[in-house]
């Protein structure tokens, strides 16, 4: 077994049979900065959530099997360098970019309300980067040769369909998936299938019982960490140093944030999957 890459949240190994092993770590990042403090059992939750979604969505995927509590064997794919983001609610970067980019994709009489449900899910792809993902549109993807027009349209349709399936499953468990990021790759026959993983690092999750449009929502994903970093002034420091092409040293995450984030990850997994961790 050979280490291929050490990512933000998982380490990727090549297995002796040519397939890939994901080792999900307890590491956590926010605003493209890796935190010093791990979140206990986070890797286990990410691995088990990925297993649950791959088994539940009824779509071709690359998972072979879970081989340990935080390790998953998957088929080797040629990954498509596009993050297939689907947004169902007016929140996050969609709200930030509404006037400049995505307004044209919404009805002319759309009245934006923070955290309000959109008239329909929106496909909002980005570039794929270890540093910072940037919005990209159909024309850019096709003209760059990343995908053909037919492949792009397939990914848009597939991503929205998968988001809707996930939303239905989460809804039955008392949760809202506000948005989600999918990754796809091509297998050795050229078929496009679902790859990477699906867990709280790939979607924004809210409790239905706490949901209230017009305000910031309580998150059952790593948004809790982002909110804490904003309050402590770390996000402002990230923005300041970014103008100089630098990144700040990460802070030690407060113990109460670590404990609550871990609790929410486990609660979300157990309620949505119906399985005990």
C-alpha atoms as a PDB file:
ATOM      1  CA  UNK A   1       0.000   0.000   0.000  1.00  0.00           C
ATOM      2  CA  UNK A   2       1.439   3.330  -1.110  1.00  0.00           C
ATOM      3  CA  UNK A   3       0.434   6.826   0.030  1.00  0.00           C
ATOM      4  CA  UNK A   4      -0.703   8.826  -2.988  1.00  0.00           C
ATOM      5  CA  UNK A   5      -1.908  12.032  -1.382  1.00  0.00           C
ATOM      6  CA  UNK A   6      -2.552  13.570   1.988  1.00  0.00           C
ATOM      7  CA  UNK A   7      -5.662  15.725   1.595  1.00  0.00           C
ATOM      8  CA  UNK A   8      -7.498  18.135   3.849  1.00  0.00           C
ATOM      9  CA  UNK A   9      -9.591  15.468   5.555  1.00  0.00           C
ATOM     10  CA  UNK A  10      -8.506  12.114   4.131  1.00  0.00           C
ATOM     11  CA  UNK A  11      -5.366  10.281   3.131  1.00  0.00           C
ATOM     12  CA  UNK A  12      -5.435   8.375  -0.154  1.00  0.00           C
ATOM     13  CA  UNK A  13      -3.495   5.155  -0.713  1.00  0.00           C
ATOM     14  CA  UNK A  14      -2.986   2.874  -3.686  1.00  0.00           C
ATOM     15  CA  UNK A  15      -3.843  -0.746  -2.874  1.00  0.00           C
ATOM     16  CA  UNK A  16      -1.899  -3.713  -4.216  1.00  0.00           C
ATOM     17  CA  UNK A  17      -4.780  -4.576  -6.592  1.00  0.00           C
ATOM     18  CA  UNK A  18      -4.682  -1.095  -8.167  1.00  0.00           C
ATOM     19  CA  UNK A  19      -7.740   0.232  -6.361  1.00  0.00           C
ATOM     20  CA  UNK A  20      -7.739   3.052  -3.819  1.00  0.00           C
ATOM     21  CA  UNK A  21      -8.087   3.229  -0.035  1.00  0.00           C
ATOM     22  CA  UNK A  22      -9.547   6.317   1.644  1.00  0.00           C
ATOM     23  CA  UNK A  23      -8.475   6.848   5.254  1.00  0.00           C
ATOM     24  CA  UNK A  24     -10.820   9.457   6.709  1.00  0.00           C
ATOM     25  CA  UNK A  25      -9.038  11.483   9.368  1.00  0.00           C
ATOM     26  CA  UNK A  26     -10.303  13.560  12.279  1.00  0.00           C
ATOM     27  CA  UNK A  27      -8.728  16.647  10.705  1.00  0.00           C
ATOM     28  CA  UNK A  28     -10.936  19.630   9.976  1.00  0.00           C
ATOM     29  CA  UNK A  29     -10.399  22.696   7.812  1.00  0.00           C
ATOM     30  CA  UNK A  30     -12.260  25.960   7.429  1.00  0.00           C
ATOM     31  CA  UNK A  31     -11.728  28.912   5.091  1.00  0.00           C
ATOM     32  CA  UNK A  32      -9.052  26.784   3.363  1.00  0.00           C
ATOM     33  CA  UNK A  33      -6.963  26.599   6.545  1.00  0.00           C
ATOM     34  CA  UNK A  34      -6.297  23.321   8.346  1.00  0.00           C
ATOM     35  CA  UNK A  35      -7.091  23.591  12.049  1.00  0.00           C
ATOM     36  CA  UNK A  36      -4.627  22.392  14.702  1.00  0.00           C
ATOM     37  CA  UNK A  37      -7.362  20.626  16.659  1.00  0.00           C
ATOM     38  CA  UNK A  38      -8.883  17.324  15.467  1.00  0.00           C
ATOM     39  CA  UNK A  39     -12.552  16.436  15.955  1.00  0.00           C
ATOM     40  CA  UNK A  40     -12.722  13.005  17.666  1.00  0.00           C
ATOM     41  CA  UNK A  41     -14.601  10.359  15.618  1.00  0.00           C
ATOM     42  CA  UNK A  42     -15.097  12.744  12.691  1.00  0.00           C
ATOM     43  CA  UNK A  43     -13.266  10.361  10.357  1.00  0.00           C
ATOM     44  CA  UNK A  44     -15.519   7.509  11.412  1.00  0.00           C
ATOM     45  CA  UNK A  45     -18.645   9.601  10.759  1.00  0.00           C
ATOM     46  CA  UNK A  46     -17.420  10.668   7.303  1.00  0.00           C
ATOM     47  CA  UNK A  47     -16.625   7.082   6.337  1.00  0.00           C
ATOM     48  CA  UNK A  48     -19.932   5.666   7.576  1.00  0.00           C
ATOM     49  CA  UNK A  49     -21.969   8.516   6.072  1.00  0.00           C
ATOM     50  CA  UNK A  50     -20.280   7.908   2.730  1.00  0.00           C
ATOM     51  CA  UNK A  51     -21.140   4.213   2.969  1.00  0.00           C
ATOM     52  CA  UNK A  52     -24.769   5.027   3.795  1.00  0.00           C
ATOM     53  CA  UNK A  53     -25.274   7.446   0.898  1.00  0.00           C
ATOM     54  CA  UNK A  54     -23.569   5.201  -1.664  1.00  0.00           C
ATOM     55  CA  UNK A  55     -25.834   2.349  -0.602  1.00  0.00           C
ATOM     56  CA  UNK A  56     -28.995   4.499  -0.501  1.00  0.00           C
ATOM     57  CA  UNK A  57     -28.948   6.663  -3.621  1.00  0.00           C
ATOM     58  CA  UNK A  58     -29.393   3.973  -6.271  1.00  0.00           C
ATOM     59  CA  UNK A  59     -26.730   5.363  -8.597  1.00  0.00           C
ATOM     60  CA  UNK A  60     -23.471   3.843  -9.896  1.00  0.00           C
ATOM     61  CA  UNK A  61     -20.594   4.685  -7.522  1.00  0.00           C
ATOM     62  CA  UNK A  62     -17.018   3.690  -6.824  1.00  0.00           C
ATOM     63  CA  UNK A  63     -17.295   2.274  -3.288  1.00  0.00           C
ATOM     64  CA  UNK A  64     -16.148  -1.336  -2.960  1.00  0.00           C
ATOM     65  CA  UNK A  65     -16.459  -1.790   0.804  1.00  0.00           C
ATOM     66  CA  UNK A  66     -15.707  -0.275   4.189  1.00  0.00           C
ATOM     67  CA  UNK A  67     -12.672  -2.095   5.564  1.00  0.00           C
ATOM     68  CA  UNK A  68     -12.436  -0.413   8.962  1.00  0.00           C
ATOM     69  CA  UNK A  69     -14.398   2.161  10.931  1.00  0.00           C
ATOM     70  CA  UNK A  70     -12.657   5.022   9.096  1.00  0.00           C
ATOM     71  CA  UNK A  71     -11.350   3.366   5.909  1.00  0.00           C
ATOM     72  CA  UNK A  72     -13.065   2.666   2.590  1.00  0.00           C
ATOM     73  CA  UNK A  73     -11.824   0.788  -0.471  1.00  0.00           C
ATOM     74  CA  UNK A  74     -12.977   2.324  -3.761  1.00  0.00           C
ATOM     75  CA  UNK A  75     -12.469   1.741  -7.472  1.00  0.00           C
ATOM     76  CA  UNK A  76      -9.854   3.905  -9.116  1.00  0.00           C
ATOM     77  CA  UNK A  77     -11.472   6.601 -11.257  1.00  0.00           C
ATOM     78  CA  UNK A  78     -10.241   9.394 -13.466  1.00  0.00           C
ATOM     79  CA  UNK A  79     -11.826  12.216 -11.496  1.00  0.00           C
ATOM     80  CA  UNK A  80     -13.564  15.061 -13.309  1.00  0.00           C
ATOM     81  CA  UNK A  81     -12.029  18.369 -12.087  1.00  0.00           C
ATOM     82  CA  UNK A  82     -15.389  20.013 -11.382  1.00  0.00           C
ATOM     83  CA  UNK A  83     -17.200  20.265  -8.044  1.00  0.00           C
ATOM     84  CA  UNK A  84     -20.858  19.592  -8.828  1.00  0.00           C
ATOM     85  CA  UNK A  85     -22.608  21.835  -6.310  1.00  0.00           C
ATOM     86  CA  UNK A  86     -26.401  21.872  -6.008  1.00  0.00           C
ATOM     87  CA  UNK A  87     -28.125  24.558  -3.956  1.00  0.00           C
ATOM     88  CA  UNK A  88     -31.680  24.274  -2.702  1.00  0.00           C
ATOM     89  CA  UNK A  89     -31.729  27.264  -0.351  1.00  0.00           C
ATOM     90  CA  UNK A  90     -30.681  30.906  -0.553  1.00  0.00           C
ATOM     91  CA  UNK A  91     -27.629  30.709   1.679  1.00  0.00           C
ATOM     92  CA  UNK A  92     -23.847  30.806   1.784  1.00  0.00           C
ATOM     93  CA  UNK A  93     -21.999  31.908  -1.325  1.00  0.00           C
ATOM     94  CA  UNK A  94     -25.201  31.819  -3.376  1.00  0.00           C
ATOM     95  CA  UNK A  95     -26.548  34.707  -1.296  1.00  0.00           C
ATOM     96  CA  UNK A  96     -23.193  36.499  -1.587  1.00  0.00           C
ATOM     97  CA  UNK A  97     -23.137  36.169  -5.394  1.00  0.00           C
ATOM     98  CA  UNK A  98     -26.842  36.565  -6.122  1.00  0.00           C
ATOM     99  CA  UNK A  99     -26.714  39.963  -7.798  1.00  0.00           C
ATOM    100  CA  UNK A 100     -23.599  39.304  -9.828  1.00  0.00           C
ATOM    101  CA  UNK A 101     -24.044  35.762 -11.106  1.00  0.00           C
ATOM    102  CA  UNK A 102     -26.944  33.528 -10.269  1.00  0.00           C
ATOM    103  CA  UNK A 103     -29.827  35.960 -10.423  1.00  0.00           C
ATOM    104  CA  UNK A 104     -30.329  35.069 -14.068  1.00  0.00           C
ATOM    105  CA  UNK A 105     -31.078  31.467 -13.075  1.00  0.00           C
ATOM    106  CA  UNK A 106     -33.988  32.434 -10.845  1.00  0.00           C
ATOM    107  CA  UNK A 107     -37.442  33.786 -11.711  1.00  0.00           C
ATOM    108  CA  UNK A 108     -37.603  37.537 -12.299  1.00  0.00           C
ATOM    109  CA  UNK A 109     -40.024  37.935  -9.384  1.00  0.00           C
ATOM    110  CA  UNK A 110     -37.826  35.946  -6.966  1.00  0.00           C
ATOM    111  CA  UNK A 111     -37.556  37.734  -3.610  1.00  0.00           C
ATOM    112  CA  UNK A 112     -34.419  36.585  -1.804  1.00  0.00           C
ATOM    113  CA  UNK A 113     -34.785  35.679   1.873  1.00  0.00           C
ATOM    114  CA  UNK A 114     -31.761  34.386   3.761  1.00  0.00           C
ATOM    115  CA  UNK A 115     -32.111  30.587   4.120  1.00  0.00           C
ATOM    116  CA  UNK A 116     -35.322  30.656   2.080  1.00  0.00           C
ATOM    117  CA  UNK A 117     -36.070  27.646  -0.109  1.00  0.00           C
ATOM    118  CA  UNK A 118     -35.391  28.273  -3.805  1.00  0.00           C
ATOM    119  CA  UNK A 119     -38.147  27.748  -6.389  1.00  0.00           C
ATOM    120  CA  UNK A 120     -36.045  24.858  -7.698  1.00  0.00           C
ATOM    121  CA  UNK A 121     -32.562  23.452  -6.981  1.00  0.00           C
ATOM    122  CA  UNK A 122     -29.752  25.241  -8.827  1.00  0.00           C
ATOM    123  CA  UNK A 123     -26.663  23.589 -10.307  1.00  0.00           C
ATOM    124  CA  UNK A 124     -23.744  25.833  -9.301  1.00  0.00           C
ATOM    125  CA  UNK A 125     -20.454  24.113 -10.240  1.00  0.00           C
ATOM    126  CA  UNK A 126     -16.991  25.240  -9.189  1.00  0.00           C
ATOM    127  CA  UNK A 127     -13.422  24.441 -10.069  1.00  0.00           C
ATOM    128  CA  UNK A 128     -11.769  21.721  -7.990  1.00  0.00           C
ATOM    129  CA  UNK A 129      -8.816  22.960  -5.951  1.00  0.00           C
ATOM    130  CA  UNK A 130      -7.007  22.150  -2.715  1.00  0.00           C
ATOM    131  CA  UNK A 131      -6.747  25.880  -2.126  1.00  0.00           C
ATOM    132  CA  UNK A 132      -9.950  27.657  -3.127  1.00  0.00           C
ATOM    133  CA  UNK A 133     -12.789  26.580  -5.429  1.00  0.00           C
ATOM    134  CA  UNK A 134     -14.087  29.196  -7.882  1.00  0.00           C
ATOM    135  CA  UNK A 135     -17.463  29.356  -9.683  1.00  0.00           C
ATOM    136  CA  UNK A 136     -17.440  28.059 -13.241  1.00  0.00           C
ATOM    137  CA  UNK A 137     -20.240  27.890 -15.797  1.00  0.00           C
ATOM    138  CA  UNK A 138     -21.238  25.590 -18.647  1.00  0.00           C
ATOM    139  CA  UNK A 139     -19.521  27.623 -21.352  1.00  0.00           C
ATOM    140  CA  UNK A 140     -16.221  27.660 -19.444  1.00  0.00           C
ATOM    141  CA  UNK A 141     -16.326  23.931 -18.714  1.00  0.00           C
ATOM    142  CA  UNK A 142     -17.096  22.984 -22.317  1.00  0.00           C
ATOM    143  CA  UNK A 143     -14.718  25.472 -23.969  1.00  0.00           C
ATOM    144  CA  UNK A 144     -11.853  24.334 -21.721  1.00  0.00           C
ATOM    145  CA  UNK A 145     -12.363  20.737 -22.836  1.00  0.00           C
ATOM    146  CA  UNK A 146     -13.000  19.436 -19.325  1.00  0.00           C
ATOM    147  CA  UNK A 147     -16.359  18.016 -20.429  1.00  0.00           C
ATOM    148  CA  UNK A 148     -18.427  17.843 -23.592  1.00  0.00           C
ATOM    149  CA  UNK A 149     -21.747  19.665 -23.636  1.00  0.00           C
ATOM    150  CA  UNK A 150     -23.530  16.319 -23.346  1.00  0.00           C
ATOM    151  CA  UNK A 151     -21.423  15.284 -20.340  1.00  0.00           C
ATOM    152  CA  UNK A 152     -22.008  18.631 -18.620  1.00  0.00           C
ATOM    153  CA  UNK A 153     -25.771  18.358 -19.116  1.00  0.00           C
ATOM    154  CA  UNK A 154     -25.700  14.798 -17.763  1.00  0.00           C
ATOM    155  CA  UNK A 155     -23.839  15.893 -14.628  1.00  0.00           C
ATOM    156  CA  UNK A 156     -26.244  18.773 -14.058  1.00  0.00           C
ATOM    157  CA  UNK A 157     -29.275  16.495 -14.303  1.00  0.00           C
ATOM    158  CA  UNK A 158     -27.676  13.720 -12.222  1.00  0.00           C
ATOM    159  CA  UNK A 159     -26.520  16.104  -9.499  1.00  0.00           C
ATOM    160  CA  UNK A 160     -29.935  17.712  -9.080  1.00  0.00           C
ATOM    161  CA  UNK A 161     -31.600  14.275  -9.015  1.00  0.00           C
ATOM    162  CA  UNK A 162     -29.181  13.019  -6.333  1.00  0.00           C
ATOM    163  CA  UNK A 163     -29.712  16.173  -4.270  1.00  0.00           C
ATOM    164  CA  UNK A 164     -33.468  15.625  -4.392  1.00  0.00           C
ATOM    165  CA  UNK A 165     -33.078  11.985  -3.273  1.00  0.00           C
ATOM    166  CA  UNK A 166     -30.796  13.004  -0.397  1.00  0.00           C
ATOM    167  CA  UNK A 167     -33.206  15.758   0.610  1.00  0.00           C
ATOM    168  CA  UNK A 168     -36.097  13.287   0.812  1.00  0.00           C
ATOM    169  CA  UNK A 169     -34.099  10.905   2.996  1.00  0.00           C
ATOM    170  CA  UNK A 170     -32.911  13.725   5.264  1.00  0.00           C
ATOM    171  CA  UNK A 171     -36.424  15.178   5.472  1.00  0.00           C
ATOM    172  CA  UNK A 172     -37.792  11.914   6.846  1.00  0.00           C
ATOM    173  CA  UNK A 173     -35.155  12.095   9.588  1.00  0.00           C
ATOM    174  CA  UNK A 174     -36.022  15.710  10.474  1.00  0.00           C
ATOM    175  CA  UNK A 175     -33.204  17.445   8.585  1.00  0.00           C
ATOM    176  CA  UNK A 176     -32.818  19.861   5.674  1.00  0.00           C
ATOM    177  CA  UNK A 177     -29.926  19.578   3.224  1.00  0.00           C
ATOM    178  CA  UNK A 178     -29.492  23.153   2.054  1.00  0.00           C
ATOM    179  CA  UNK A 179     -26.802  22.377  -0.513  1.00  0.00           C
ATOM    180  CA  UNK A 180     -24.411  19.581  -1.441  1.00  0.00           C
ATOM    181  CA  UNK A 181     -21.205  19.004  -3.393  1.00  0.00           C
ATOM    182  CA  UNK A 182     -20.829  15.902  -5.570  1.00  0.00           C
ATOM    183  CA  UNK A 183     -17.741  14.628  -7.345  1.00  0.00           C
ATOM    184  CA  UNK A 184     -17.804  12.316 -10.336  1.00  0.00           C
ATOM    185  CA  UNK A 185     -15.189  10.340 -12.220  1.00  0.00           C
ATOM    186  CA  UNK A 186     -14.842   8.059 -15.231  1.00  0.00           C
ATOM    187  CA  UNK A 187     -14.213   4.344 -14.790  1.00  0.00           C
ATOM    188  CA  UNK A 188     -12.029   2.212 -17.066  1.00  0.00           C
ATOM    189  CA  UNK A 189     -14.911   1.933 -19.556  1.00  0.00           C
ATOM    190  CA  UNK A 190     -15.457   5.690 -19.703  1.00  0.00           C
ATOM    191  CA  UNK A 191     -18.683   5.627 -17.679  1.00  0.00           C
ATOM    192  CA  UNK A 192     -19.327   8.629 -15.441  1.00  0.00           C
ATOM    193  CA  UNK A 193     -20.065   7.474 -11.868  1.00  0.00           C
ATOM    194  CA  UNK A 194     -20.331   9.040  -8.416  1.00  0.00           C
ATOM    195  CA  UNK A 195     -16.971   9.244  -6.654  1.00  0.00           C
ATOM    196  CA  UNK A 196     -15.131  10.691  -3.674  1.00  0.00           C
ATOM    197  CA  UNK A 197     -17.406  10.664  -0.602  1.00  0.00           C
ATOM    198  CA  UNK A 198     -20.554  12.209   0.866  1.00  0.00           C
ATOM    199  CA  UNK A 199     -20.719  13.472   4.425  1.00  0.00           C
ATOM    200  CA  UNK A 200     -21.001  16.610   6.575  1.00  0.00           C
ATOM    201  CA  UNK A 201     -17.987  18.147   4.807  1.00  0.00           C
ATOM    202  CA  UNK A 202     -19.902  17.968   1.504  1.00  0.00           C
ATOM    203  CA  UNK A 203     -23.264  19.416   2.510  1.00  0.00           C
ATOM    204  CA  UNK A 204     -24.949  22.035   4.675  1.00  0.00           C
ATOM    205  CA  UNK A 205     -27.348  20.379   7.132  1.00  0.00           C
ATOM    206  CA  UNK A 206     -30.061  21.969   9.302  1.00  0.00           C
ATOM    207  CA  UNK A 207     -32.582  20.582  11.775  1.00  0.00           C
ATOM    208  CA  UNK A 208     -36.134  21.084  10.507  1.00  0.00           C
ATOM    209  CA  UNK A 209     -37.327  21.822  14.042  1.00  0.00           C
ATOM    210  CA  UNK A 210     -34.940  24.799  14.269  1.00  0.00           C
ATOM    211  CA  UNK A 211     -35.368  26.062  10.698  1.00  0.00           C
ATOM    212  CA  UNK A 212     -36.514  29.642  10.357  1.00  0.00           C
ATOM    213  CA  UNK A 213     -36.049  31.596   7.096  1.00  0.00           C
ATOM    214  CA  UNK A 214     -34.641  35.078   7.388  1.00  0.00           C
ATOM    215  CA  UNK A 215     -31.829  34.306   9.796  1.00  0.00           C
ATOM    216  CA  UNK A 216     -28.597  32.346  10.158  1.00  0.00           C
ATOM    217  CA  UNK A 217     -29.347  28.662  10.688  1.00  0.00           C
ATOM    218  CA  UNK A 218     -28.006  26.270  13.322  1.00  0.00           C
ATOM    219  CA  UNK A 219     -25.728  23.908  11.409  1.00  0.00           C
ATOM    220  CA  UNK A 220     -25.164  20.186  11.812  1.00  0.00           C
ATOM    221  CA  UNK A 221     -22.040  20.294   9.670  1.00  0.00           C
ATOM    222  CA  UNK A 222     -18.772  22.209  10.026  1.00  0.00           C
ATOM    223  CA  UNK A 223     -20.547  25.571   9.694  1.00  0.00           C
ATOM    224  CA  UNK A 224     -20.487  25.606  13.507  1.00  0.00           C
ATOM    225  CA  UNK A 225     -16.700  25.869  13.301  1.00  0.00           C
ATOM    226  CA  UNK A 226     -16.853  28.557  10.619  1.00  0.00           C
ATOM    227  CA  UNK A 227     -19.248  30.636  12.732  1.00  0.00           C
ATOM    228  CA  UNK A 228     -16.904  30.382  15.736  1.00  0.00           C
ATOM    229  CA  UNK A 229     -13.933  31.442  13.595  1.00  0.00           C
ATOM    230  CA  UNK A 230     -15.891  34.448  12.367  1.00  0.00           C
ATOM    231  CA  UNK A 231     -16.761  35.475  15.930  1.00  0.00           C
ATOM    232  CA  UNK A 232     -13.148  35.157  17.087  1.00  0.00           C
ATOM    233  CA  UNK A 233     -11.899  37.349  14.218  1.00  0.00           C
ATOM    234  CA  UNK A 234      -9.984  34.563  12.489  1.00  0.00           C
ATOM    235  CA  UNK A 235     -11.978  34.895   9.263  1.00  0.00           C
ATOM    236  CA  UNK A 236     -11.120  38.599   9.084  1.00  0.00           C
ATOM    237  CA  UNK A 237      -7.451  37.672   9.462  1.00  0.00           C
ATOM    238  CA  UNK A 238      -7.802  35.101   6.658  1.00  0.00           C
ATOM    239  CA  UNK A 239      -9.264  37.775   4.379  1.00  0.00           C
ATOM    240  CA  UNK A 240      -6.586  40.312   5.304  1.00  0.00           C
ATOM    241  CA  UNK A 241      -3.656  37.969   4.665  1.00  0.00           C
ATOM    242  CA  UNK A 242      -5.233  36.614   1.469  1.00  0.00           C
ATOM    243  CA  UNK A 243      -4.673  40.016  -0.121  1.00  0.00           C
ATOM    244  CA  UNK A 244      -0.958  39.447   0.521  1.00  0.00           C
ATOM    245  CA  UNK A 245      -1.027  35.867  -0.729  1.00  0.00           C
ATOM    246  CA  UNK A 246      -0.553  34.446   2.765  1.00  0.00           C
ATOM    247  CA  UNK A 247      -2.486  32.370   5.284  1.00  0.00           C
ATOM    248  CA  UNK A 248      -2.628  32.803   9.076  1.00  0.00           C
ATOM    249  CA  UNK A 249      -1.564  30.138  11.543  1.00  0.00           C
ATOM    250  CA  UNK A 250      -4.635  28.205  12.668  1.00  0.00           C
ATOM    251  CA  UNK A 251      -5.920  28.668  16.206  1.00  0.00           C
ATOM    252  CA  UNK A 252      -6.572  25.900  18.717  1.00  0.00           C
ATOM    253  CA  UNK A 253     -10.314  25.246  18.492  1.00  0.00           C
ATOM    254  CA  UNK A 254     -12.184  25.818  21.767  1.00  0.00           C
ATOM    255  CA  UNK A 255     -12.970  22.527  23.586  1.00  0.00           C
ATOM    256  CA  UNK A 256     -16.693  23.297  23.679  1.00  0.00           C
ATOM    257  CA  UNK A 257     -16.746  23.743  19.879  1.00  0.00           C
ATOM    258  CA  UNK A 258     -14.851  20.474  19.384  1.00  0.00           C
ATOM    259  CA  UNK A 259     -17.270  18.591  21.652  1.00  0.00           C
ATOM    260  CA  UNK A 260     -20.409  20.107  20.128  1.00  0.00           C
ATOM    261  CA  UNK A 261     -19.241  19.598  16.557  1.00  0.00           C
ATOM    262  CA  UNK A 262     -18.525  15.939  17.285  1.00  0.00           C
ATOM    263  CA  UNK A 263     -21.915  15.520  18.946  1.00  0.00           C
ATOM    264  CA  UNK A 264     -23.751  17.035  15.997  1.00  0.00           C
ATOM    265  CA  UNK A 265     -21.869  14.902  13.458  1.00  0.00           C
ATOM    266  CA  UNK A 266     -22.790  11.713  15.303  1.00  0.00           C
ATOM    267  CA  UNK A 267     -26.407  12.781  15.894  1.00  0.00           C
ATOM    268  CA  UNK A 268     -26.916  13.614  12.218  1.00  0.00           C
ATOM    269  CA  UNK A 269     -25.436  10.304  11.082  1.00  0.00           C
ATOM    270  CA  UNK A 270     -27.478   8.184  13.472  1.00  0.00           C
ATOM    271  CA  UNK A 271     -30.774   9.945  12.724  1.00  0.00           C
ATOM    272  CA  UNK A 272     -30.411  10.043   8.957  1.00  0.00           C
ATOM    273  CA  UNK A 273     -28.952   6.556   8.508  1.00  0.00           C
ATOM    274  CA  UNK A 274     -30.953   4.846  11.270  1.00  0.00           C
ATOM    275  CA  UNK A 275     -27.702   3.147  12.293  1.00  0.00           C
ATOM    276  CA  UNK A 276     -25.737   3.361  15.546  1.00  0.00           C
ATOM    277  CA  UNK A 277     -22.144   4.471  15.321  1.00  0.00           C
END
